[in-house]
Amino acid sequence: MVARRLRRYEKSSEISYAEGVFATLELLTARPDDVEAVLVSSRGEPNAGVKKIREICAARGVGLTVDDRAMERLSPRGSHLAVGVFRKYSTEISTEDDHVVLVEPADMGNLGTIFRTMLGFGVRDLAVVRPAADAFDPRVIRASMGALFRASFSYFDSFGDYARRFPRKVYSFMIDGTTRVDDLRFQAPCALVFGNESSGLGETFRALGESVRIGQTEAVDSLSLPVAVAVALYERARRGVGAPGGP
């Protein structure tokens, strides 16, 4: 791949970019067969992470190019020392493990943060109901710190499509849910379902399973989506279900 032919990311493209040293290392470690090339900045020579990238690329035969102009074109902020170029790939979520389900998430940064939070609490499978943010957008990858490359995710045209393929206990997180999350008894496998950042889940989700609320003060109308997911996953882990360091 010729670096000078690379363009800014487009959703229709067959390739995407892992921007930054850490994200590039995660790409090389978790998805080595999907890597097309690696670009590094001339400023990166003393950086320990860039040296590690060079070692991995040399060992695996991945093309590495020092090209400041291409780096600037792909990432105009100019702060990154490395960019990993990779082919988009498909993954399948597990039929046996718990899922986080996001219904129409719109924010790239939120989606990336949720990927990282999920892995931190031992959940690797994410179902996304369209319309939704593009998981391969470099902004998502950057916010995930490369965690996306260690997760499995699938998109669905509706929650019904997801539920028919993955029948399981559904916990719908709603501001006025019936059960407090700290009183919840998690039943595995389950789906932890969260709505859009602005509108949450519609009333139809109340009848699809058990509606759950996260206790909060009246000082805010709701918690942010990544915080709500983190609280739910923490409570799940606290009860020994997929706890960090556990099974």
C-alpha atoms as a PDB file:
ATOM      1  CA  MET A   1       0.000   0.000   0.000  1.00  0.00           C
ATOM      2  CA  VAL A   2       1.417   3.394  -0.987  1.00  0.00           C
ATOM      3  CA  ALA A   3       1.121   5.802   1.947  1.00  0.00           C
ATOM      4  CA  ARG A   4       0.656   8.820  -0.294  1.00  0.00           C
ATOM      5  CA  ARG A   5      -2.551   7.349  -1.714  1.00  0.00           C
ATOM      6  CA  LEU A   6      -4.198   7.094   1.691  1.00  0.00           C
ATOM      7  CA  ARG A   7      -7.064   9.493   2.381  1.00  0.00           C
ATOM      8  CA  ARG A   8      -9.009  10.610   5.405  1.00  0.00           C
ATOM      9  CA  TYR A   9     -11.365   7.937   6.716  1.00  0.00           C
ATOM     10  CA  GLU A  10     -14.678   7.416   4.948  1.00  0.00           C
ATOM     11  CA  LYS A  11     -17.391   5.068   6.164  1.00  0.00           C
ATOM     12  CA  SER A  12     -17.640   3.494   2.708  1.00  0.00           C
ATOM     13  CA  SER A  13     -13.931   2.683   2.614  1.00  0.00           C
ATOM     14  CA  GLU A  14     -12.616  -0.853   3.035  1.00  0.00           C
ATOM     15  CA  ILE A  15      -9.847   0.331   5.352  1.00  0.00           C
ATOM     16  CA  SER A  16      -9.603   2.360   8.544  1.00  0.00           C
ATOM     17  CA  TYR A  17      -6.941   3.729  10.866  1.00  0.00           C
ATOM     18  CA  ALA A  18      -5.765   3.159  14.414  1.00  0.00           C
ATOM     19  CA  GLU A  19      -4.420   6.557  15.415  1.00  0.00           C
ATOM     20  CA  GLY A  20      -1.775   6.742  18.130  1.00  0.00           C
ATOM     21  CA  VAL A  21       0.982   4.526  19.460  1.00  0.00           C
ATOM     22  CA  PHE A  22      -1.141   2.545  21.927  1.00  0.00           C
ATOM     23  CA  ALA A  23      -3.985   1.906  19.476  1.00  0.00           C
ATOM     24  CA  THR A  24      -1.499   0.822  16.817  1.00  0.00           C
ATOM     25  CA  LEU A  25       0.152  -1.605  19.237  1.00  0.00           C
ATOM     26  CA  GLU A  26      -3.254  -3.050  20.118  1.00  0.00           C
ATOM     27  CA  LEU A  27      -4.044  -3.462  16.424  1.00  0.00           C
ATOM     28  CA  LEU A  28      -0.737  -5.240  15.755  1.00  0.00           C
ATOM     29  CA  THR A  29      -1.223  -7.495  18.773  1.00  0.00           C
ATOM     30  CA  ALA A  30      -4.922  -8.349  18.524  1.00  0.00           C
ATOM     31  CA  ARG A  31      -5.614  -8.202  14.747  1.00  0.00           C
ATOM     32  CA  PRO A  32      -2.226  -8.754  13.045  1.00  0.00           C
ATOM     33  CA  ASP A  33      -3.694 -10.456   9.977  1.00  0.00           C
ATOM     34  CA  ASP A  34      -5.808  -7.384   9.176  1.00  0.00           C
ATOM     35  CA  VAL A  35      -2.941  -4.872   9.196  1.00  0.00           C
ATOM     36  CA  GLU A  36      -2.140  -3.314   5.822  1.00  0.00           C
ATOM     37  CA  ALA A  37       0.658  -0.965   6.847  1.00  0.00           C
ATOM     38  CA  VAL A  38       1.963   1.239   9.627  1.00  0.00           C
ATOM     39  CA  LEU A  39       2.951   4.891   9.347  1.00  0.00           C
ATOM     40  CA  VAL A  40       5.165   6.613  11.889  1.00  0.00           C
ATOM     41  CA  SER A  41       6.202  10.215  12.385  1.00  0.00           C
ATOM     42  CA  SER A  42       9.801  11.346  12.169  1.00  0.00           C
ATOM     43  CA  ARG A  43       9.263  12.679  15.701  1.00  0.00           C
ATOM     44  CA  GLY A  44       8.660   9.177  17.005  1.00  0.00           C
ATOM     45  CA  GLU A  45      12.200   7.817  16.876  1.00  0.00           C
ATOM     46  CA  PRO A  46      12.940   8.202  20.631  1.00  0.00           C
ATOM     47  CA  ASN A  47       9.525   6.923  21.718  1.00  0.00           C
ATOM     48  CA  ALA A  48       9.570   3.491  23.390  1.00  0.00           C
ATOM     49  CA  GLY A  49       6.175   2.600  21.913  1.00  0.00           C
ATOM     50  CA  VAL A  50       7.317   3.421  18.380  1.00  0.00           C
ATOM     51  CA  LYS A  51      10.382   1.239  18.910  1.00  0.00           C
ATOM     52  CA  LYS A  52       8.078  -1.600  19.943  1.00  0.00           C
ATOM     53  CA  ILE A  53       5.965  -1.018  16.835  1.00  0.00           C
ATOM     54  CA  ARG A  54       9.093  -1.238  14.692  1.00  0.00           C
ATOM     55  CA  GLU A  55      10.049  -4.532  16.336  1.00  0.00           C
ATOM     56  CA  ILE A  56       6.612  -6.076  15.811  1.00  0.00           C
ATOM     57  CA  CYS A  57       6.428  -4.919  12.195  1.00  0.00           C
ATOM     58  CA  ALA A  58       9.886  -6.320  11.470  1.00  0.00           C
ATOM     59  CA  ALA A  59       9.028  -9.649  13.091  1.00  0.00           C
ATOM     60  CA  ARG A  60       5.719 -10.003  11.221  1.00  0.00           C
ATOM     61  CA  GLY A  61       6.703  -8.536   7.895  1.00  0.00           C
ATOM     62  CA  VAL A  62       4.384  -5.541   8.163  1.00  0.00           C
ATOM     63  CA  GLY A  63       5.379  -2.591   6.018  1.00  0.00           C
ATOM     64  CA  LEU A  64       6.381   0.463   8.072  1.00  0.00           C
ATOM     65  CA  THR A  65       6.919   3.899   6.544  1.00  0.00           C
ATOM     66  CA  VAL A  66       8.108   7.198   7.993  1.00  0.00           C
ATOM     67  CA  ASP A  67       5.880   9.732   6.281  1.00  0.00           C
ATOM     68  CA  ASP A  68       4.998  12.987   8.018  1.00  0.00           C
ATOM     69  CA  ARG A  69       2.894  14.287   5.129  1.00  0.00           C
ATOM     70  CA  ALA A  70       0.706  11.201   5.048  1.00  0.00           C
ATOM     71  CA  MET A  71       0.363  11.325   8.843  1.00  0.00           C
ATOM     72  CA  GLU A  72      -0.776  14.940   8.651  1.00  0.00           C
ATOM     73  CA  ARG A  73      -3.271  14.113   5.905  1.00  0.00           C
ATOM     74  CA  LEU A  74      -4.815  11.264   7.872  1.00  0.00           C
ATOM     75  CA  SER A  75      -4.686  12.978  11.264  1.00  0.00           C
ATOM     76  CA  PRO A  76      -4.587  16.778  10.850  1.00  0.00           C
ATOM     77  CA  ARG A  77      -4.135  17.397  14.575  1.00  0.00           C
ATOM     78  CA  GLY A  78      -0.563  16.254  14.081  1.00  0.00           C
ATOM     79  CA  SER A  79      -0.202  14.863  17.586  1.00  0.00           C
ATOM     80  CA  HIS A  80       0.068  11.159  16.739  1.00  0.00           C
ATOM     81  CA  LEU A  81       3.392   9.380  16.366  1.00  0.00           C
ATOM     82  CA  ALA A  82       1.947   6.281  14.685  1.00  0.00           C
ATOM     83  CA  VAL A  83      -1.051   5.253  12.593  1.00  0.00           C
ATOM     84  CA  GLY A  84      -1.981   1.644  11.867  1.00  0.00           C
ATOM     85  CA  VAL A  85      -3.773   1.021   8.572  1.00  0.00           C
ATOM     86  CA  PHE A  86      -6.053  -2.012   8.592  1.00  0.00           C
ATOM     87  CA  ARG A  87      -8.744  -3.747   6.573  1.00  0.00           C
ATOM     88  CA  LYS A  88     -12.202  -3.660   8.065  1.00  0.00           C
ATOM     89  CA  TYR A  89     -13.275  -7.054   9.325  1.00  0.00           C
ATOM     90  CA  SER A  90     -16.380  -8.772  10.638  1.00  0.00           C
ATOM     91  CA  THR A  91     -16.867 -10.435  14.016  1.00  0.00           C
ATOM     92  CA  GLU A  92     -19.572 -12.611  15.527  1.00  0.00           C
ATOM     93  CA  ILE A  93     -20.851 -12.106  19.055  1.00  0.00           C
ATOM     94  CA  SER A  94     -21.104 -15.125  21.332  1.00  0.00           C
ATOM     95  CA  THR A  95     -24.287 -17.142  21.690  1.00  0.00           C
ATOM     96  CA  GLU A  96     -23.351 -18.119  25.262  1.00  0.00           C
ATOM     97  CA  ASP A  97     -21.890 -15.017  26.914  1.00  0.00           C
ATOM     98  CA  ASP A  98     -23.545 -11.837  28.204  1.00  0.00           C
ATOM     99  CA  HIS A  99     -23.987  -8.930  25.802  1.00  0.00           C
ATOM    100  CA  VAL A 100     -24.118  -5.172  26.059  1.00  0.00           C
ATOM    101  CA  VAL A 101     -26.739  -3.911  23.602  1.00  0.00           C
ATOM    102  CA  LEU A 102     -26.722  -0.284  22.460  1.00  0.00           C
ATOM    103  CA  VAL A 103     -29.853   0.958  20.713  1.00  0.00           C
ATOM    104  CA  GLU A 104     -29.049   3.703  18.200  1.00  0.00           C
ATOM    105  CA  PRO A 105     -25.901   5.113  19.851  1.00  0.00           C
ATOM    106  CA  ALA A 106     -24.813   8.269  18.028  1.00  0.00           C
ATOM    107  CA  ASP A 107     -21.640   9.534  19.666  1.00  0.00           C
ATOM    108  CA  MET A 108     -18.287   8.156  18.437  1.00  0.00           C
ATOM    109  CA  GLY A 109     -16.464   8.924  21.658  1.00  0.00           C
ATOM    110  CA  ASN A 110     -19.142   7.256  23.765  1.00  0.00           C
ATOM    111  CA  LEU A 111     -19.006   4.109  21.650  1.00  0.00           C
ATOM    112  CA  GLY A 112     -15.226   3.900  21.987  1.00  0.00           C
ATOM    113  CA  THR A 113     -15.346   4.472  25.740  1.00  0.00           C
ATOM    114  CA  ILE A 114     -17.943   1.715  26.108  1.00  0.00           C
ATOM    115  CA  PHE A 115     -15.721  -0.767  24.246  1.00  0.00           C
ATOM    116  CA  ARG A 116     -12.917  -0.056  26.705  1.00  0.00           C
ATOM    117  CA  THR A 117     -15.227  -0.229  29.738  1.00  0.00           C
ATOM    118  CA  MET A 118     -16.703  -3.541  28.615  1.00  0.00           C
ATOM    119  CA  LEU A 119     -13.295  -5.200  28.375  1.00  0.00           C
ATOM    120  CA  GLY A 120     -12.360  -3.801  31.769  1.00  0.00           C
ATOM    121  CA  PHE A 121     -15.326  -5.622  33.312  1.00  0.00           C
ATOM    122  CA  GLY A 122     -14.932  -8.869  31.384  1.00  0.00           C
ATOM    123  CA  VAL A 123     -17.576  -8.433  28.668  1.00  0.00           C
ATOM    124  CA  ARG A 124     -16.399  -8.762  25.079  1.00  0.00           C
ATOM    125  CA  ASP A 125     -19.641  -8.867  23.084  1.00  0.00           C
ATOM    126  CA  LEU A 126     -21.470  -5.767  21.873  1.00  0.00           C
ATOM    127  CA  ALA A 127     -24.679  -5.671  19.834  1.00  0.00           C
ATOM    128  CA  VAL A 128     -25.486  -2.365  18.128  1.00  0.00           C
ATOM    129  CA  VAL A 129     -28.936  -1.494  16.770  1.00  0.00           C
ATOM    130  CA  ARG A 130     -28.963   0.867  13.785  1.00  0.00           C
ATOM    131  CA  PRO A 131     -28.950   3.726  13.028  1.00  0.00           C
ATOM    132  CA  ALA A 132     -25.722   3.983  14.956  1.00  0.00           C
ATOM    133  CA  ALA A 133     -22.194   5.309  15.129  1.00  0.00           C
ATOM    134  CA  ASP A 134     -19.620   3.529  12.965  1.00  0.00           C
ATOM    135  CA  ALA A 135     -17.400   1.314  15.131  1.00  0.00           C
ATOM    136  CA  PHE A 136     -14.553   1.532  12.619  1.00  0.00           C
ATOM    137  CA  ASP A 137     -14.418   5.319  12.671  1.00  0.00           C
ATOM    138  CA  PRO A 138     -10.933   6.343  13.924  1.00  0.00           C
ATOM    139  CA  ARG A 139     -12.603   8.474  16.603  1.00  0.00           C
ATOM    140  CA  VAL A 140     -14.179   5.342  18.079  1.00  0.00           C
ATOM    141  CA  ILE A 141     -10.897   3.445  17.941  1.00  0.00           C
ATOM    142  CA  ARG A 142      -9.040   6.338  19.558  1.00  0.00           C
ATOM    143  CA  ALA A 143     -11.581   6.633  22.387  1.00  0.00           C
ATOM    144  CA  SER A 144     -11.407   2.875  22.949  1.00  0.00           C
ATOM    145  CA  MET A 145      -7.593   3.011  23.220  1.00  0.00           C
ATOM    146  CA  GLY A 146      -7.581   0.078  20.828  1.00  0.00           C
ATOM    147  CA  ALA A 147      -9.936  -2.030  22.975  1.00  0.00           C
ATOM    148  CA  LEU A 148     -12.202  -2.425  19.947  1.00  0.00           C
ATOM    149  CA  PHE A 149      -9.642  -4.821  18.451  1.00  0.00           C
ATOM    150  CA  ARG A 150     -10.138  -7.248  21.359  1.00  0.00           C
ATOM    151  CA  ALA A 151     -13.954  -7.090  21.321  1.00  0.00           C
ATOM    152  CA  SER A 152     -16.625  -8.732  19.186  1.00  0.00           C
ATOM    153  CA  PHE A 153     -19.463  -6.626  17.823  1.00  0.00           C
ATOM    154  CA  SER A 154     -22.379  -7.019  15.423  1.00  0.00           C
ATOM    155  CA  TYR A 155     -24.902  -4.565  13.980  1.00  0.00           C
ATOM    156  CA  PHE A 156     -28.648  -5.234  13.719  1.00  0.00           C
ATOM    157  CA  ASP A 157     -31.414  -3.384  11.878  1.00  0.00           C
ATOM    158  CA  SER A 158     -33.746  -3.629  14.893  1.00  0.00           C
ATOM    159  CA  PHE A 159     -33.791  -4.901  18.454  1.00  0.00           C
ATOM    160  CA  GLY A 160     -36.243  -7.538  17.279  1.00  0.00           C
ATOM    161  CA  ASP A 161     -33.641  -8.880  14.852  1.00  0.00           C
ATOM    162  CA  TYR A 162     -31.152  -9.137  17.691  1.00  0.00           C
ATOM    163  CA  ALA A 163     -33.609 -10.751  20.124  1.00  0.00           C
ATOM    164  CA  ARG A 164     -34.713 -13.402  17.635  1.00  0.00           C
ATOM    165  CA  ARG A 165     -31.139 -14.455  17.037  1.00  0.00           C
ATOM    166  CA  PHE A 166     -30.044 -14.267  20.667  1.00  0.00           C
ATOM    167  CA  PRO A 167     -32.910 -15.240  22.993  1.00  0.00           C
ATOM    168  CA  ARG A 168     -31.924 -14.455  26.584  1.00  0.00           C
ATOM    169  CA  LYS A 169     -32.871 -12.503  29.688  1.00  0.00           C
ATOM    170  CA  VAL A 170     -33.203  -8.796  28.857  1.00  0.00           C
ATOM    171  CA  TYR A 171     -32.394  -6.007  31.310  1.00  0.00           C
ATOM    172  CA  SER A 172     -33.598  -2.691  29.899  1.00  0.00           C
ATOM    173  CA  PHE A 173     -31.905   0.253  31.611  1.00  0.00           C
ATOM    174  CA  MET A 174     -34.389   3.111  31.951  1.00  0.00           C
ATOM    175  CA  ILE A 175     -34.535   6.229  34.126  1.00  0.00           C
ATOM    176  CA  ASP A 176     -37.752   4.981  35.741  1.00  0.00           C
ATOM    177  CA  GLY A 177     -37.027   1.254  35.621  1.00  0.00           C
ATOM    178  CA  THR A 178     -38.822  -0.988  38.120  1.00  0.00           C
ATOM    179  CA  THR A 179     -35.768  -2.671  39.692  1.00  0.00           C
ATOM    180  CA  ARG A 180     -32.800  -0.811  41.136  1.00  0.00           C
ATOM    181  CA  VAL A 181     -29.552  -2.065  39.653  1.00  0.00           C
ATOM    182  CA  ASP A 182     -28.080  -2.713  43.103  1.00  0.00           C
ATOM    183  CA  ASP A 183     -31.045  -5.033  43.834  1.00  0.00           C
ATOM    184  CA  LEU A 184     -30.781  -6.868  40.533  1.00  0.00           C
ATOM    185  CA  ARG A 185     -30.034 -10.581  40.405  1.00  0.00           C
ATOM    186  CA  PHE A 186     -28.278 -11.096  37.108  1.00  0.00           C
ATOM    187  CA  GLN A 187     -29.347 -14.145  35.133  1.00  0.00           C
ATOM    188  CA  ALA A 188     -26.862 -15.387  32.549  1.00  0.00           C
ATOM    189  CA  PRO A 189     -26.734 -15.208  29.662  1.00  0.00           C
ATOM    190  CA  CYS A 190     -28.291 -11.783  29.549  1.00  0.00           C
ATOM    191  CA  ALA A 191     -28.512  -8.628  27.481  1.00  0.00           C
ATOM    192  CA  LEU A 192     -27.820  -5.298  29.199  1.00  0.00           C
ATOM    193  CA  VAL A 193     -29.728  -2.883  26.973  1.00  0.00           C
ATOM    194  CA  PHE A 194     -29.164   0.877  26.812  1.00  0.00           C
ATOM    195  CA  GLY A 195     -30.782   3.553  24.676  1.00  0.00           C
ATOM    196  CA  ASN A 196     -29.647   6.514  22.653  1.00  0.00           C
ATOM    197  CA  GLU A 197     -27.738   9.309  24.397  1.00  0.00           C
ATOM    198  CA  SER A 198     -30.554  11.832  23.963  1.00  0.00           C
ATOM    199  CA  SER A 199     -33.754   9.784  24.222  1.00  0.00           C
ATOM    200  CA  GLY A 200     -32.904   6.569  26.073  1.00  0.00           C
ATOM    201  CA  LEU A 201     -35.070   3.491  25.548  1.00  0.00           C
ATOM    202  CA  GLY A 202     -38.653   3.737  24.376  1.00  0.00           C
ATOM    203  CA  GLU A 203     -41.580   2.437  26.422  1.00  0.00           C
ATOM    204  CA  THR A 204     -41.759  -0.753  24.371  1.00  0.00           C
ATOM    205  CA  PHE A 205     -38.585  -1.979  26.105  1.00  0.00           C
ATOM    206  CA  ARG A 206     -40.360  -2.066  29.461  1.00  0.00           C
ATOM    207  CA  ALA A 207     -42.275  -5.154  28.364  1.00  0.00           C
ATOM    208  CA  LEU A 208     -39.324  -6.922  26.738  1.00  0.00           C
ATOM    209  CA  GLY A 209     -37.725  -8.033  29.979  1.00  0.00           C
ATOM    210  CA  GLU A 210     -36.910  -6.499  33.341  1.00  0.00           C
ATOM    211  CA  SER A 211     -36.640  -2.714  33.421  1.00  0.00           C
ATOM    212  CA  VAL A 212     -33.756  -1.448  35.561  1.00  0.00           C
ATOM    213  CA  ARG A 213     -32.924   1.948  36.990  1.00  0.00           C
ATOM    214  CA  ILE A 214     -29.666   3.360  38.343  1.00  0.00           C
ATOM    215  CA  GLY A 215     -30.145   5.393  41.497  1.00  0.00           C
ATOM    216  CA  GLN A 216     -29.176   9.055  41.098  1.00  0.00           C
ATOM    217  CA  THR A 217     -30.027  12.448  42.540  1.00  0.00           C
ATOM    218  CA  GLU A 218     -32.443  14.891  40.938  1.00  0.00           C
ATOM    219  CA  ALA A 219     -29.574  17.276  40.237  1.00  0.00           C
ATOM    220  CA  VAL A 220     -29.238  15.777  36.734  1.00  0.00           C
ATOM    221  CA  ASP A 221     -31.855  14.370  34.404  1.00  0.00           C
ATOM    222  CA  SER A 222     -29.789  11.275  33.588  1.00  0.00           C
ATOM    223  CA  LEU A 223     -26.313   9.790  33.638  1.00  0.00           C
ATOM    224  CA  SER A 224     -24.256   9.786  30.467  1.00  0.00           C
ATOM    225  CA  LEU A 225     -24.428   6.612  28.408  1.00  0.00           C
ATOM    226  CA  PRO A 226     -20.843   5.447  29.136  1.00  0.00           C
ATOM    227  CA  VAL A 227     -21.330   6.043  32.869  1.00  0.00           C
ATOM    228  CA  ALA A 228     -24.597   4.098  32.897  1.00  0.00           C
ATOM    229  CA  VAL A 229     -22.943   1.169  31.114  1.00  0.00           C
ATOM    230  CA  ALA A 230     -20.021   1.290  33.553  1.00  0.00           C
ATOM    231  CA  VAL A 231     -22.335   1.225  36.593  1.00  0.00           C
ATOM    232  CA  ALA A 232     -24.277  -1.736  35.212  1.00  0.00           C
ATOM    233  CA  LEU A 233     -21.117  -3.685  34.414  1.00  0.00           C
ATOM    234  CA  TYR A 234     -19.640  -2.880  37.808  1.00  0.00           C
ATOM    235  CA  GLU A 235     -22.749  -4.209  39.564  1.00  0.00           C
ATOM    236  CA  ARG A 236     -22.617  -7.327  37.406  1.00  0.00           C
ATOM    237  CA  ALA A 237     -18.951  -7.868  38.285  1.00  0.00           C
ATOM    238  CA  ARG A 238     -19.532  -7.102  41.975  1.00  0.00           C
ATOM    239  CA  ARG A 239     -21.864 -10.078  42.148  1.00  0.00           C
ATOM    240  CA  GLY A 240     -19.155 -12.311  40.738  1.00  0.00           C
ATOM    241  CA  VAL A 241     -20.594 -12.501  37.217  1.00  0.00           C
ATOM    242  CA  GLY A 242     -17.614 -12.066  34.894  1.00  0.00           C
ATOM    243  CA  ALA A 243     -15.678 -10.206  37.596  1.00  0.00           C
ATOM    244  CA  PRO A 244     -12.235  -8.898  36.542  1.00  0.00           C
ATOM    245  CA  GLY A 245      -9.676 -11.563  37.261  1.00  0.00           C
ATOM    246  CA  GLY A 246     -12.441 -14.149  37.578  1.00  0.00           C
ATOM    247  CA  PRO A 247     -13.975 -16.630  35.126  1.00  0.00           C
END
